[in-house]
Amino acid sequence: LITLWGILLFLRYRWRKMEEEEQAMYDMVKKIIAVVHDHYKEWERNLERYPYVGIFHVRDSLIPPQSRKKMKRVWERAVDFLASNESRIQTESHRVAGEDMLVWRWTQPSYVSDSEH
């Protein structure tokens, strides 16, 4: 009976941790979308040099160095979620300063319907 009670407590703890991690992942996705969209808006106003932003640059601006190890799993899940579920952000490879790196580019949705062409 004590063993079953211990297993139940462990499962409840684990489920709570998984829910917290999932919520943290969704919060990170919202932050990433905001950063990439803001970068795109600044590029449109000629305040940024390139229309894309490096993935590691976004990570470095959102997660302080002392938290990166702890937030690594949340970050990776957020990046995977964006790659598979977010159509407004494209992942591309670009050569920046002589080095290939993965970047995100905001894809502005087209509001012009095909019937207007």
PDB file of N, CA and C in Angstrom:
ATOM      1  N   LEU A   1       0.826  -1.203   0.000  1.00  0.00           N
ATOM      2  CA  LEU A   1       0.000   0.000   0.000  1.00  0.00           C
ATOM      3  C   LEU A   1       0.868   1.265   0.000  1.00  0.00           C
ATOM      4  N   ILE A   2       1.948   1.220   0.782  1.00  0.00           N
ATOM      5  CA  ILE A   2       2.868   2.362   0.836  1.00  0.00           C
ATOM      6  C   ILE A   2       3.553   2.555  -0.512  1.00  0.00           C
ATOM      7  N   THR A   3       3.919   1.456  -1.162  1.00  0.00           N
ATOM      8  CA  THR A   3       4.551   1.535  -2.480  1.00  0.00           C
ATOM      9  C   THR A   3       3.607   2.149  -3.500  1.00  0.00           C
ATOM     10  N   LEU A   4       2.350   1.710  -3.486  1.00  0.00           N
ATOM     11  CA  LEU A   4       1.368   2.286  -4.410  1.00  0.00           C
ATOM     12  C   LEU A   4       1.161   3.764  -4.134  1.00  0.00           C
ATOM     13  N   TRP A   5       1.116   4.137  -2.871  1.00  0.00           N
ATOM     14  CA  TRP A   5       0.963   5.558  -2.507  1.00  0.00           C
ATOM     15  C   TRP A   5       2.170   6.354  -3.011  1.00  0.00           C
ATOM     16  N   GLY A   6       3.359   5.804  -2.872  1.00  0.00           N
ATOM     17  CA  GLY A   6       4.568   6.471  -3.362  1.00  0.00           C
ATOM     18  C   GLY A   6       4.551   6.642  -4.870  1.00  0.00           C
ATOM     19  N   ILE A   7       4.099   5.604  -5.576  1.00  0.00           N
ATOM     20  CA  ILE A   7       4.003   5.687  -7.044  1.00  0.00           C
ATOM     21  C   ILE A   7       2.995   6.754  -7.444  1.00  0.00           C
ATOM     22  N   LEU A   8       1.862   6.807  -6.747  1.00  0.00           N
ATOM     23  CA  LEU A   8       0.846   7.819  -7.035  1.00  0.00           C
ATOM     24  C   LEU A   8       1.389   9.229  -6.811  1.00  0.00           C
ATOM     25  N   LEU A   9       2.089   9.438  -5.718  1.00  0.00           N
ATOM     26  CA  LEU A   9       2.680  10.757  -5.453  1.00  0.00           C
ATOM     27  C   LEU A   9       3.696  11.128  -6.527  1.00  0.00           C
ATOM     28  N   PHE A  10       4.519  10.154  -6.929  1.00  0.00           N
ATOM     29  CA  PHE A  10       5.504  10.419  -7.968  1.00  0.00           C
ATOM     30  C   PHE A  10       4.831  10.778  -9.288  1.00  0.00           C
ATOM     31  N   LEU A  11       3.772  10.035  -9.662  1.00  0.00           N
ATOM     32  CA  LEU A  11       3.064  10.329 -10.913  1.00  0.00           C
ATOM     33  C   LEU A  11       2.413  11.701 -10.877  1.00  0.00           C
ATOM     34  N   ARG A  12       1.813  12.052  -9.750  1.00  0.00           N
ATOM     35  CA  ARG A  12       1.221  13.397  -9.637  1.00  0.00           C
ATOM     36  C   ARG A  12       2.289  14.471  -9.776  1.00  0.00           C
ATOM     37  N   TYR A  13       3.442  14.287  -9.157  1.00  0.00           N
ATOM     38  CA  TYR A  13       4.560  15.229  -9.263  1.00  0.00           C
ATOM     39  C   TYR A  13       5.024  15.344 -10.706  1.00  0.00           C
ATOM     40  N   ARG A  14       5.158  14.213 -11.365  1.00  0.00           N
ATOM     41  CA  ARG A  14       5.633  14.179 -12.751  1.00  0.00           C
ATOM     42  C   ARG A  14       4.649  14.871 -13.697  1.00  0.00           C
ATOM     43  N   TRP A  15       3.347  14.621 -13.512  1.00  0.00           N
ATOM     44  CA  TRP A  15       2.338  15.272 -14.353  1.00  0.00           C
ATOM     45  C   TRP A  15       2.355  16.784 -14.155  1.00  0.00           C
ATOM     46  N   ARG A  16       2.504  17.215 -12.907  1.00  0.00           N
ATOM     47  CA  ARG A  16       2.556  18.653 -12.630  1.00  0.00           C
ATOM     48  C   ARG A  16       3.778  19.282 -13.299  1.00  0.00           C
ATOM     49  N   LYS A  17       4.906  18.601 -13.213  1.00  0.00           N
ATOM     50  CA  LYS A  17       6.127  19.106 -13.863  1.00  0.00           C
ATOM     51  C   LYS A  17       5.959  19.171 -15.379  1.00  0.00           C
ATOM     52  N   MET A  18       5.331  18.173 -15.981  1.00  0.00           N
ATOM     53  CA  MET A  18       5.115  18.167 -17.424  1.00  0.00           C
ATOM     54  C   MET A  18       4.186  19.309 -17.836  1.00  0.00           C
ATOM     55  N   GLU A  19       3.155  19.578 -17.037  1.00  0.00           N
ATOM     56  CA  GLU A  19       2.250  20.690 -17.337  1.00  0.00           C
ATOM     57  C   GLU A  19       2.971  22.025 -17.239  1.00  0.00           C
ATOM     58  N   GLU A  20       3.802  22.180 -16.216  1.00  0.00           N
ATOM     59  CA  GLU A  20       4.576  23.414 -16.065  1.00  0.00           C
ATOM     60  C   GLU A  20       5.536  23.601 -17.236  1.00  0.00           C
ATOM     61  N   GLU A  21       6.178  22.516 -17.664  1.00  0.00           N
ATOM     62  CA  GLU A  21       7.108  22.591 -18.787  1.00  0.00           C
ATOM     63  C   GLU A  21       6.374  22.935 -20.082  1.00  0.00           C
ATOM     64  N   GLU A  22       5.193  22.357 -20.269  1.00  0.00           N
ATOM     65  CA  GLU A  22       4.420  22.655 -21.471  1.00  0.00           C
ATOM     66  C   GLU A  22       3.976  24.119 -21.482  1.00  0.00           C
ATOM     67  N   GLN A  23       3.562  24.636 -20.333  1.00  0.00           N
ATOM     68  CA  GLN A  23       3.167  26.044 -20.257  1.00  0.00           C
ATOM     69  C   GLN A  23       4.367  26.950 -20.516  1.00  0.00           C
ATOM     70  N   ALA A  24       5.518  26.590 -19.984  1.00  0.00           N
ATOM     71  CA  ALA A  24       6.735  27.365 -20.231  1.00  0.00           C
ATOM     72  C   ALA A  24       7.089  27.341 -21.716  1.00  0.00           C
ATOM     73  N   MET A  25       6.876  26.204 -22.378  1.00  0.00           N
ATOM     74  CA  MET A  25       7.153  26.101 -23.804  1.00  0.00           C
ATOM     75  C   MET A  25       6.236  27.025 -24.592  1.00  0.00           C
ATOM     76  N   TYR A  26       4.944  27.036 -24.269  1.00  0.00           N
ATOM     77  CA  TYR A  26       4.012  27.920 -24.979  1.00  0.00           C
ATOM     78  C   TYR A  26       4.342  29.396 -24.727  1.00  0.00           C
ATOM     79  N   ASP A  27       4.755  29.729 -23.510  1.00  0.00           N
ATOM     80  CA  ASP A  27       5.176  31.107 -23.225  1.00  0.00           C
ATOM     81  C   ASP A  27       6.407  31.479 -24.056  1.00  0.00           C
ATOM     82  N   MET A  28       7.340  30.531 -24.192  1.00  0.00           N
ATOM     83  CA  MET A  28       8.541  30.779 -24.989  1.00  0.00           C
ATOM     84  C   MET A  28       8.177  30.951 -26.460  1.00  0.00           C
ATOM     85  N   VAL A  29       7.234  30.174 -26.963  1.00  0.00           N
ATOM     86  CA  VAL A  29       6.792  30.302 -28.352  1.00  0.00           C
ATOM     87  C   VAL A  29       6.234  31.702 -28.584  1.00  0.00           C
ATOM     88  N   LYS A  30       5.415  32.191 -27.658  1.00  0.00           N
ATOM     89  CA  LYS A  30       4.857  33.546 -27.792  1.00  0.00           C
ATOM     90  C   LYS A  30       5.962  34.596 -27.832  1.00  0.00           C
ATOM     91  N   LYS A  31       6.965  34.437 -26.973  1.00  0.00           N
ATOM     92  CA  LYS A  31       8.075  35.390 -26.945  1.00  0.00           C
ATOM     93  C   LYS A  31       8.874  35.347 -28.246  1.00  0.00           C
ATOM     94  N   ILE A  32       9.120  34.154 -28.753  1.00  0.00           N
ATOM     95  CA  ILE A  32       9.878  34.011 -30.002  1.00  0.00           C
ATOM     96  C   ILE A  32       9.125  34.661 -31.147  1.00  0.00           C
ATOM     97  N   ILE A  33       7.826  34.404 -31.248  1.00  0.00           N
ATOM     98  CA  ILE A  33       7.020  35.004 -32.310  1.00  0.00           C
ATOM     99  C   ILE A  33       7.078  36.525 -32.217  1.00  0.00           C
ATOM    100  N   ALA A  34       6.986  37.055 -31.019  1.00  0.00           N
ATOM    101  CA  ALA A  34       7.040  38.508 -30.840  1.00  0.00           C
ATOM    102  C   ALA A  34       8.386  39.072 -31.283  1.00  0.00           C
ATOM    103  N   VAL A  35       9.479  38.398 -30.921  1.00  0.00           N
ATOM    104  CA  VAL A  35      10.818  38.884 -31.296  1.00  0.00           C
ATOM    105  C   VAL A  35      11.000  38.860 -32.809  1.00  0.00           C
ATOM    106  N   VAL A  36      10.623  37.761 -33.449  1.00  0.00           N
ATOM    107  CA  VAL A  36      10.813  37.650 -34.898  1.00  0.00           C
ATOM    108  C   VAL A  36       9.918  38.647 -35.629  1.00  0.00           C
ATOM    109  N   HIS A  37       8.691  38.815 -35.176  1.00  0.00           N
ATOM    110  CA  HIS A  37       7.786  39.769 -35.819  1.00  0.00           C
ATOM    111  C   HIS A  37       8.276  41.209 -35.626  1.00  0.00           C
ATOM    112  N   ASP A  38       8.741  41.543 -34.429  1.00  0.00           N
ATOM    113  CA  ASP A  38       9.284  42.886 -34.191  1.00  0.00           C
ATOM    114  C   ASP A  38      10.511  43.143 -35.057  1.00  0.00           C
ATOM    115  N   HIS A  39      11.358  42.123 -35.211  1.00  0.00           N
ATOM    116  CA  HIS A  39      12.539  42.280 -36.064  1.00  0.00           C
ATOM    117  C   HIS A  39      12.116  42.558 -37.506  1.00  0.00           C
ATOM    118  N   TYR A  40      11.101  41.849 -37.971  1.00  0.00           N
ATOM    119  CA  TYR A  40      10.598  42.061 -39.330  1.00  0.00           C
ATOM    120  C   TYR A  40      10.058  43.478 -39.495  1.00  0.00           C
ATOM    121  N   LYS A  41       9.316  43.968 -38.507  1.00  0.00           N
ATOM    122  CA  LYS A  41       8.783  45.333 -38.573  1.00  0.00           C
ATOM    123  C   LYS A  41       9.914  46.363 -38.619  1.00  0.00           C
ATOM    124  N   GLU A  42      10.957  46.125 -37.829  1.00  0.00           N
ATOM    125  CA  GLU A  42      12.103  47.038 -37.848  1.00  0.00           C
ATOM    126  C   GLU A  42      12.825  46.977 -39.191  1.00  0.00           C
ATOM    127  N   TRP A  43      12.899  45.807 -39.794  1.00  0.00           N
ATOM    128  CA  TRP A  43      13.523  45.687 -41.119  1.00  0.00           C
ATOM    129  C   TRP A  43      12.704  46.455 -42.156  1.00  0.00           C
ATOM    130  N   GLU A  44      11.387  46.387 -42.073  1.00  0.00           N
ATOM    131  CA  GLU A  44      10.530  47.127 -43.003  1.00  0.00           C
ATOM    132  C   GLU A  44      10.757  48.638 -42.900  1.00  0.00           C
ATOM    133  N   ARG A  45      11.072  49.114 -41.706  1.00  0.00           N
ATOM    134  CA  ARG A  45      11.327  50.552 -41.498  1.00  0.00           C
ATOM    135  C   ARG A  45      12.802  50.899 -41.689  1.00  0.00           C
ATOM    136  N   ASN A  46      13.562  49.952 -42.240  1.00  0.00           N
ATOM    137  CA  ASN A  46      14.996  50.119 -42.512  1.00  0.00           C
ATOM    138  C   ASN A  46      15.817  50.351 -41.243  1.00  0.00           C
ATOM    139  N   LEU A  47      15.375  49.791 -40.122  1.00  0.00           N
ATOM    140  CA  LEU A  47      16.142  49.881 -38.881  1.00  0.00           C
ATOM    141  C   LEU A  47      17.018  48.653 -38.674  1.00  0.00           C
ATOM    142  N   GLU A  48      16.735  47.588 -39.418  1.00  0.00           N
ATOM    143  CA  GLU A  48      17.536  46.372 -39.370  1.00  0.00           C
ATOM    144  C   GLU A  48      18.129  46.113 -40.740  1.00  0.00           C
ATOM    145  N   ARG A  49      19.294  45.480 -40.756  1.00  0.00           N
ATOM    146  CA  ARG A  49      20.011  45.253 -42.009  1.00  0.00           C
ATOM    147  C   ARG A  49      19.456  44.076 -42.806  1.00  0.00           C
ATOM    148  N   TYR A  50      19.011  43.024 -42.099  1.00  0.00           N
ATOM    149  CA  TYR A  50      18.542  41.808 -42.755  1.00  0.00           C
ATOM    150  C   TYR A  50      17.108  41.508 -42.334  1.00  0.00           C
ATOM    151  N   PRO A  51      16.334  40.853 -43.200  1.00  0.00           N
ATOM    152  CA  PRO A  51      14.948  40.520 -42.850  1.00  0.00           C
ATOM    153  C   PRO A  51      14.833  39.271 -41.970  1.00  0.00           C
ATOM    154  N   TYR A  52      15.935  38.676 -41.615  1.00  0.00           N
ATOM    155  CA  TYR A  52      15.927  37.464 -40.807  1.00  0.00           C
ATOM    156  C   TYR A  52      16.743  37.702 -39.548  1.00  0.00           C
ATOM    157  N   VAL A  53      16.532  36.827 -38.575  1.00  0.00           N
ATOM    158  CA  VAL A  53      17.253  36.928 -37.305  1.00  0.00           C
ATOM    159  C   VAL A  53      17.736  35.533 -36.923  1.00  0.00           C
ATOM    160  N   GLY A  54      18.953  35.452 -36.417  1.00  0.00           N
ATOM    161  CA  GLY A  54      19.542  34.166 -36.042  1.00  0.00           C
ATOM    162  C   GLY A  54      18.813  33.514 -34.874  1.00  0.00           C
ATOM    163  N   ILE A  55      18.642  32.215 -34.958  1.00  0.00           N
ATOM    164  CA  ILE A  55      17.941  31.484 -33.899  1.00  0.00           C
ATOM    165  C   ILE A  55      18.689  31.617 -32.578  1.00  0.00           C
ATOM    166  N   PHE A  56      20.008  31.492 -32.616  1.00  0.00           N
ATOM    167  CA  PHE A  56      20.773  31.607 -31.372  1.00  0.00           C
ATOM    168  C   PHE A  56      20.749  33.031 -30.831  1.00  0.00           C
ATOM    169  N   HIS A  57      20.637  34.015 -31.716  1.00  0.00           N
ATOM    170  CA  HIS A  57      20.513  35.401 -31.267  1.00  0.00           C
ATOM    171  C   HIS A  57      19.214  35.594 -30.489  1.00  0.00           C
ATOM    172  N   VAL A  58      18.132  35.000 -30.998  1.00  0.00           N
ATOM    173  CA  VAL A  58      16.844  35.087 -30.301  1.00  0.00           C
ATOM    174  C   VAL A  58      16.944  34.391 -28.947  1.00  0.00           C
ATOM    175  N   ARG A  59      17.547  33.197 -28.934  1.00  0.00           N
ATOM    176  CA  ARG A  59      17.719  32.475 -27.667  1.00  0.00           C
ATOM    177  C   ARG A  59      18.513  33.310 -26.672  1.00  0.00           C
ATOM    178  N   ASP A  60      19.610  33.910 -27.152  1.00  0.00           N
ATOM    179  CA  ASP A  60      20.456  34.687 -26.263  1.00  0.00           C
ATOM    180  C   ASP A  60      19.745  35.935 -25.740  1.00  0.00           C
ATOM    181  N   SER A  61      18.829  36.486 -26.525  1.00  0.00           N
ATOM    182  CA  SER A  61      18.116  37.679 -26.059  1.00  0.00           C
ATOM    183  C   SER A  61      16.969  37.325 -25.115  1.00  0.00           C
ATOM    184  N   LEU A  62      16.453  36.096 -25.187  1.00  0.00           N
ATOM    185  CA  LEU A  62      15.329  35.716 -24.336  1.00  0.00           C
ATOM    186  C   LEU A  62      15.734  34.988 -23.057  1.00  0.00           C
ATOM    187  N   ILE A  63      16.831  34.250 -23.106  1.00  0.00           N
ATOM    188  CA  ILE A  63      17.233  33.440 -21.953  1.00  0.00           C
ATOM    189  C   ILE A  63      18.599  33.909 -21.473  1.00  0.00           C
ATOM    190  N   PRO A  64      18.704  34.356 -20.225  1.00  0.00           N
ATOM    191  CA  PRO A  64      20.015  34.767 -19.715  1.00  0.00           C
ATOM    192  C   PRO A  64      20.965  33.577 -19.618  1.00  0.00           C
ATOM    193  N   PRO A  65      22.278  33.837 -19.702  1.00  0.00           N
ATOM    194  CA  PRO A  65      23.260  32.738 -19.726  1.00  0.00           C
ATOM    195  C   PRO A  65      23.133  31.768 -18.546  1.00  0.00           C
ATOM    196  N   GLN A  66      22.832  32.270 -17.375  1.00  0.00           N
ATOM    197  CA  GLN A  66      22.760  31.388 -16.209  1.00  0.00           C
ATOM    198  C   GLN A  66      21.537  30.466 -16.240  1.00  0.00           C
ATOM    199  N   SER A  67      20.564  30.753 -17.087  1.00  0.00           N
ATOM    200  CA  SER A  67      19.352  29.926 -17.162  1.00  0.00           C
ATOM    201  C   SER A  67      19.320  29.008 -18.375  1.00  0.00           C
ATOM    202  N   ARG A  68      20.293  29.089 -19.244  1.00  0.00           N
ATOM    203  CA  ARG A  68      20.235  28.333 -20.509  1.00  0.00           C
ATOM    204  C   ARG A  68      20.246  26.829 -20.303  1.00  0.00           C
ATOM    205  N   LYS A  69      21.016  26.349 -19.370  1.00  0.00           N
ATOM    206  CA  LYS A  69      21.062  24.908 -19.142  1.00  0.00           C
ATOM    207  C   LYS A  69      19.713  24.421 -18.618  1.00  0.00           C
ATOM    208  N   LYS A  70      19.125  25.165 -17.700  1.00  0.00           N
ATOM    209  CA  LYS A  70      17.842  24.781 -17.128  1.00  0.00           C
ATOM    210  C   LYS A  70      16.716  24.889 -18.159  1.00  0.00           C
ATOM    211  N   MET A  71      16.808  25.868 -19.057  1.00  0.00           N
ATOM    212  CA  MET A  71      15.749  26.123 -20.036  1.00  0.00           C
ATOM    213  C   MET A  71      15.987  25.416 -21.370  1.00  0.00           C
ATOM    214  N   LYS A  72      17.036  24.611 -21.461  1.00  0.00           N
ATOM    215  CA  LYS A  72      17.387  23.980 -22.737  1.00  0.00           C
ATOM    216  C   LYS A  72      16.245  23.138 -23.298  1.00  0.00           C
ATOM    217  N   ARG A  73      15.632  22.316 -22.474  1.00  0.00           N
ATOM    218  CA  ARG A  73      14.543  21.443 -22.942  1.00  0.00           C
ATOM    219  C   ARG A  73      13.341  22.264 -23.388  1.00  0.00           C
ATOM    220  N   VAL A  74      13.005  23.315 -22.644  1.00  0.00           N
ATOM    221  CA  VAL A  74      11.887  24.193 -23.019  1.00  0.00           C
ATOM    222  C   VAL A  74      12.188  24.879 -24.346  1.00  0.00           C
ATOM    223  N   TRP A  75      13.416  25.373 -24.504  1.00  0.00           N
ATOM    224  CA  TRP A  75      13.808  26.045 -25.747  1.00  0.00           C
ATOM    225  C   TRP A  75      13.703  25.089 -26.941  1.00  0.00           C
ATOM    226  N   GLU A  76      14.244  23.885 -26.793  1.00  0.00           N
ATOM    227  CA  GLU A  76      14.217  22.925 -27.902  1.00  0.00           C
ATOM    228  C   GLU A  76      12.789  22.538 -28.275  1.00  0.00           C
ATOM    229  N   ARG A  77      11.933  22.367 -27.291  1.00  0.00           N
ATOM    230  CA  ARG A  77      10.530  22.049 -27.582  1.00  0.00           C
ATOM    231  C   ARG A  77       9.849  23.212 -28.290  1.00  0.00           C
ATOM    232  N   ALA A  78      10.168  24.451 -27.882  1.00  0.00           N
ATOM    233  CA  ALA A  78       9.572  25.622 -28.525  1.00  0.00           C
ATOM    234  C   ALA A  78      10.028  25.737 -29.978  1.00  0.00           C
ATOM    235  N   VAL A  79      11.303  25.487 -30.240  1.00  0.00           N
ATOM    236  CA  VAL A  79      11.830  25.542 -31.603  1.00  0.00           C
ATOM    237  C   VAL A  79      11.165  24.465 -32.465  1.00  0.00           C
ATOM    238  N   ASP A  80      11.033  23.266 -31.932  1.00  0.00           N
ATOM    239  CA  ASP A  80      10.364  22.191 -32.669  1.00  0.00           C
ATOM    240  C   ASP A  80       8.901  22.524 -32.931  1.00  0.00           C
ATOM    241  N   PHE A  81       8.234  23.094 -31.940  1.00  0.00           N
ATOM    242  CA  PHE A  81       6.830  23.475 -32.097  1.00  0.00           C
ATOM    243  C   PHE A  81       6.680  24.512 -33.206  1.00  0.00           C
ATOM    244  N   LEU A  82       7.562  25.513 -33.219  1.00  0.00           N
ATOM    245  CA  LEU A  82       7.509  26.541 -34.259  1.00  0.00           C
ATOM    246  C   LEU A  82       7.742  25.945 -35.640  1.00  0.00           C
ATOM    247  N   ALA A  83       8.692  25.031 -35.739  1.00  0.00           N
ATOM    248  CA  ALA A  83       9.014  24.443 -37.033  1.00  0.00           C
ATOM    249  C   ALA A  83       7.841  23.639 -37.591  1.00  0.00           C
ATOM    250  N   SER A  84       7.074  23.016 -36.738  1.00  0.00           N
ATOM    251  CA  SER A  84       6.003  22.161 -37.233  1.00  0.00           C
ATOM    252  C   SER A  84       4.623  22.813 -37.221  1.00  0.00           C
ATOM    253  N   ASN A  85       4.437  23.907 -36.472  1.00  0.00           N
ATOM    254  CA  ASN A  85       3.089  24.452 -36.307  1.00  0.00           C
ATOM    255  C   ASN A  85       2.927  25.927 -36.659  1.00  0.00           C
ATOM    256  N   GLU A  86       3.977  26.640 -36.911  1.00  0.00           N
ATOM    257  CA  GLU A  86       3.862  28.080 -37.146  1.00  0.00           C
ATOM    258  C   GLU A  86       4.204  28.404 -38.595  1.00  0.00           C
ATOM    259  N   SER A  87       3.199  28.795 -39.361  1.00  0.00           N
ATOM    260  CA  SER A  87       3.420  29.070 -40.785  1.00  0.00           C
ATOM    261  C   SER A  87       3.968  30.472 -41.034  1.00  0.00           C
ATOM    262  N   ARG A  88       3.895  31.346 -40.065  1.00  0.00           N
ATOM    263  CA  ARG A  88       4.388  32.714 -40.279  1.00  0.00           C
ATOM    264  C   ARG A  88       5.890  32.833 -40.115  1.00  0.00           C
ATOM    265  N   ILE A  89       6.522  31.817 -39.554  1.00  0.00           N
ATOM    266  CA  ILE A  89       7.973  31.841 -39.337  1.00  0.00           C
ATOM    267  C   ILE A  89       8.609  30.708 -40.124  1.00  0.00           C
ATOM    268  N   GLN A  90       9.566  31.065 -40.981  1.00  0.00           N
ATOM    269  CA  GLN A  90      10.304  30.073 -41.762  1.00  0.00           C
ATOM    270  C   GLN A  90      11.702  29.919 -41.180  1.00  0.00           C
ATOM    271  N   THR A  91      12.165  28.685 -41.128  1.00  0.00           N
ATOM    272  CA  THR A  91      13.532  28.404 -40.714  1.00  0.00           C
ATOM    273  C   THR A  91      14.370  28.242 -41.968  1.00  0.00           C
ATOM    274  N   GLU A  92      15.455  29.011 -42.051  1.00  0.00           N
ATOM    275  CA  GLU A  92      16.328  28.978 -43.225  1.00  0.00           C
ATOM    276  C   GLU A  92      17.772  28.906 -42.772  1.00  0.00           C
ATOM    277  N   SER A  93      18.641  28.569 -43.706  1.00  0.00           N
ATOM    278  CA  SER A  93      20.072  28.583 -43.452  1.00  0.00           C
ATOM    279  C   SER A  93      20.685  29.720 -44.265  1.00  0.00           C
ATOM    280  N   HIS A  94      21.445  30.587 -43.603  1.00  0.00           N
ATOM    281  CA  HIS A  94      22.105  31.711 -44.273  1.00  0.00           C
ATOM    282  C   HIS A  94      23.562  31.768 -43.843  1.00  0.00           C
ATOM    283  N   ARG A  95      24.375  32.327 -44.713  1.00  0.00           N
ATOM    284  CA  ARG A  95      25.773  32.572 -44.373  1.00  0.00           C
ATOM    285  C   ARG A  95      25.869  33.976 -43.803  1.00  0.00           C
ATOM    286  N   VAL A  96      26.211  34.045 -42.536  1.00  0.00           N
ATOM    287  CA  VAL A  96      26.333  35.327 -41.841  1.00  0.00           C
ATOM    288  C   VAL A  96      27.756  35.426 -41.308  1.00  0.00           C
ATOM    289  N   ALA A  97      28.450  36.481 -41.700  1.00  0.00           N
ATOM    290  CA  ALA A  97      29.837  36.707 -41.290  1.00  0.00           C
ATOM    291  C   ALA A  97      30.708  35.489 -41.598  1.00  0.00           C
ATOM    292  N   GLY A  98      30.476  34.872 -42.767  1.00  0.00           N
ATOM    293  CA  GLY A  98      31.286  33.747 -43.207  1.00  0.00           C
ATOM    294  C   GLY A  98      30.945  32.422 -42.551  1.00  0.00           C
ATOM    295  N   GLU A  99      29.859  32.379 -41.803  1.00  0.00           N
ATOM    296  CA  GLU A  99      29.491  31.160 -41.097  1.00  0.00           C
ATOM    297  C   GLU A  99      28.037  30.817 -41.399  1.00  0.00           C
ATOM    298  N   ASP A 100      27.778  29.544 -41.715  1.00  0.00           N
ATOM    299  CA  ASP A 100      26.399  29.116 -41.946  1.00  0.00           C
ATOM    300  C   ASP A 100      25.671  29.037 -40.613  1.00  0.00           C
ATOM    301  N   MET A 101      24.483  29.622 -40.575  1.00  0.00           N
ATOM    302  CA  MET A 101      23.696  29.551 -39.355  1.00  0.00           C
ATOM    303  C   MET A 101      22.211  29.484 -39.692  1.00  0.00           C
ATOM    304  N   LEU A 102      21.452  28.897 -38.788  1.00  0.00           N
ATOM    305  CA  LEU A 102      20.009  28.830 -38.952  1.00  0.00           C
ATOM    306  C   LEU A 102      19.391  30.142 -38.500  1.00  0.00           C
ATOM    307  N   VAL A 103      18.451  30.617 -39.302  1.00  0.00           N
ATOM    308  CA  VAL A 103      17.789  31.883 -38.992  1.00  0.00           C
ATOM    309  C   VAL A 103      16.278  31.696 -39.130  1.00  0.00           C
ATOM    310  N   TRP A 104      15.559  32.631 -38.520  1.00  0.00           N
ATOM    311  CA  TRP A 104      14.114  32.690 -38.692  1.00  0.00           C
ATOM    312  C   TRP A 104      13.775  33.912 -39.510  1.00  0.00           C
ATOM    313  N   ARG A 105      12.827  33.743 -40.411  1.00  0.00           N
ATOM    314  CA  ARG A 105      12.341  34.854 -41.219  1.00  0.00           C
ATOM    315  C   ARG A 105      10.823  34.910 -41.060  1.00  0.00           C
ATOM    316  N   TRP A 106      10.317  36.115 -40.804  1.00  0.00           N
ATOM    317  CA  TRP A 106       8.879  36.310 -40.695  1.00  0.00           C
ATOM    318  C   TRP A 106       8.281  36.306 -42.096  1.00  0.00           C
ATOM    319  N   THR A 107       7.231  35.544 -42.292  1.00  0.00           N
ATOM    320  CA  THR A 107       6.540  35.489 -43.565  1.00  0.00           C
ATOM    321  C   THR A 107       5.233  36.240 -43.403  1.00  0.00           C
ATOM    322  N   GLN A 108       5.161  37.396 -44.042  1.00  0.00           N
ATOM    323  CA  GLN A 108       3.965  38.226 -43.931  1.00  0.00           C
ATOM    324  C   GLN A 108       2.808  37.547 -44.670  1.00  0.00           C
ATOM    325  N   PRO A 109       1.677  37.313 -43.987  1.00  0.00           N
ATOM    326  CA  PRO A 109       0.547  36.698 -44.691  1.00  0.00           C
ATOM    327  C   PRO A 109      -0.012  37.624 -45.755  1.00  0.00           C
ATOM    328  N   SER A 110      -0.424  37.037 -46.845  1.00  0.00           N
ATOM    329  CA  SER A 110      -0.994  37.809 -47.943  1.00  0.00           C
ATOM    330  C   SER A 110      -2.490  37.954 -47.735  1.00  0.00           C
ATOM    331  N   TYR A 111      -2.957  39.200 -47.740  1.00  0.00           N
ATOM    332  CA  TYR A 111      -4.378  39.447 -47.531  1.00  0.00           C
ATOM    333  C   TYR A 111      -5.119  39.659 -48.840  1.00  0.00           C
ATOM    334  N   VAL A 112      -4.420  39.610 -49.955  1.00  0.00           N
ATOM    335  CA  VAL A 112      -5.033  39.790 -51.253  1.00  0.00           C
ATOM    336  C   VAL A 112      -5.546  38.439 -51.714  1.00  0.00           C
ATOM    337  N   SER A 113      -6.816  38.366 -52.027  1.00  0.00           N
ATOM    338  CA  SER A 113      -7.366  37.092 -52.471  1.00  0.00           C
ATOM    339  C   SER A 113      -7.031  36.856 -53.930  1.00  0.00           C
ATOM    340  N   ASP A 114      -7.099  35.620 -54.333  1.00  0.00           N
ATOM    341  CA  ASP A 114      -6.791  35.261 -55.718  1.00  0.00           C
ATOM    342  C   ASP A 114      -7.817  35.822 -56.690  1.00  0.00           C
ATOM    343  N   SER A 115      -9.038  36.051 -56.256  1.00  0.00           N
ATOM    344  CA  SER A 115     -10.071  36.562 -57.150  1.00  0.00           C
ATOM    345  C   SER A 115      -9.843  38.008 -57.546  1.00  0.00           C
ATOM    346  N   GLU A 116      -9.001  38.741 -56.792  1.00  0.00           N
ATOM    347  CA  GLU A 116      -8.742  40.144 -57.111  1.00  0.00           C
ATOM    348  C   GLU A 116      -7.675  40.302 -58.173  1.00  0.00           C
ATOM    349  N   HIS A 117      -6.951  39.241 -58.530  1.00  0.00           N
ATOM    350  CA  HIS A 117      -5.874  39.358 -59.528  1.00  0.00           C
ATOM    351  C   HIS A 117      -6.421  39.401 -60.909  1.00  0.00           C
TER     352      HIS A 117
END
